Protein backbone atom coordinates (compact mmCIF):
# COMPACT_ATOMS: atom_id res chain seq x y z
CA MET A 1 170.98 200.83 -124.78
CA GLU A 2 169.33 197.48 -124.42
CA ILE A 3 169.19 195.91 -120.98
CA ASN A 4 169.62 192.16 -121.04
CA ILE A 5 167.89 189.67 -118.77
CA ASN A 6 170.94 189.23 -116.54
CA GLN A 7 170.98 192.97 -115.82
CA GLU A 8 167.25 192.93 -115.12
CA PHE A 9 167.59 190.07 -112.67
CA GLN A 10 170.63 191.66 -111.02
CA ALA A 11 168.64 194.85 -110.42
CA PHE A 12 165.76 192.71 -109.09
CA LYS A 13 168.13 190.89 -106.71
CA ASP A 14 169.68 194.17 -105.55
CA GLU A 15 166.24 195.58 -104.72
CA LEU A 16 165.23 192.44 -102.81
CA LYS A 17 168.48 192.60 -100.84
CA LYS A 18 167.35 196.01 -99.54
CA LEU A 19 164.35 194.16 -98.04
CA ASN A 20 166.66 191.54 -96.42
CA ILE A 21 165.59 188.95 -98.97
CA GLU A 22 168.42 186.87 -100.39
CA VAL A 23 167.94 185.51 -103.90
CA LEU A 24 169.71 182.14 -103.97
CA LYS A 25 169.21 181.28 -107.63
CA ILE A 26 167.07 181.98 -110.66
CA VAL A 27 166.25 179.12 -113.01
CA LYS A 28 164.61 179.42 -116.42
CA VAL A 29 161.69 177.04 -116.77
CA GLY A 30 159.49 176.17 -119.70
CA ASN A 31 160.22 176.40 -123.38
CA GLY A 32 161.34 179.30 -125.53
CA SER A 33 157.85 180.73 -126.06
CA MET A 34 157.18 180.86 -122.32
CA ASP A 35 159.78 183.04 -120.64
CA PHE A 36 159.18 181.96 -117.04
CA HIS A 37 161.79 181.87 -114.30
CA GLU A 38 161.69 180.32 -110.86
CA VAL A 39 163.23 182.57 -108.24
CA PHE A 40 164.49 180.82 -105.10
CA TYR A 41 164.85 183.11 -102.12
CA LYS A 42 165.35 183.20 -98.37
CA SER A 43 163.65 185.86 -96.30
CA PRO A 44 163.72 186.75 -92.61
CA ARG A 45 160.14 185.50 -92.28
CA TYR A 46 160.72 181.85 -93.14
CA GLU A 47 163.23 179.21 -92.17
CA GLU A 48 162.94 177.37 -95.46
CA VAL A 49 163.83 178.49 -98.95
CA LYS A 50 160.80 179.72 -100.87
CA SER A 51 160.31 180.07 -104.60
CA VAL A 52 158.08 182.04 -106.90
CA TYR A 53 157.50 181.86 -110.65
CA VAL A 54 157.73 185.06 -112.66
CA GLU A 55 157.65 186.14 -116.28
CA ARG A 56 160.48 188.46 -117.23
CA GLN A 57 158.09 191.29 -118.06
CA GLN A 58 156.43 190.92 -114.63
CA LEU A 59 159.57 191.54 -112.54
CA ASP A 60 158.49 195.06 -111.58
CA ASP A 61 155.08 193.82 -110.46
CA LEU A 62 156.64 191.08 -108.37
CA LEU A 63 159.08 193.54 -106.83
CA ALA A 64 156.18 195.83 -105.89
CA LYS A 65 154.45 192.91 -104.15
CA PHE A 66 157.62 192.10 -102.19
CA ARG A 67 157.97 195.77 -101.18
CA GLU A 68 154.37 195.84 -100.01
CA ALA A 69 154.76 192.64 -98.00
CA TYR A 70 158.17 193.36 -96.47
CA ALA A 71 158.23 197.15 -96.05
């Protein structure tokens, strides 16, 4: 069974929610050959909304960094 990008990002958002990080929106940026997304999020550490750029295939790495920083 193939997992599509929406399912991948939903799983990513669910995992961040466990760290009290709320994903507000995810926006695709760049052209078709560059599969980058900007993730806008709000965490308990900051008043303002933050964002980070991620390639689809790097979601697990980004999640690991969030877990390390917020665990």
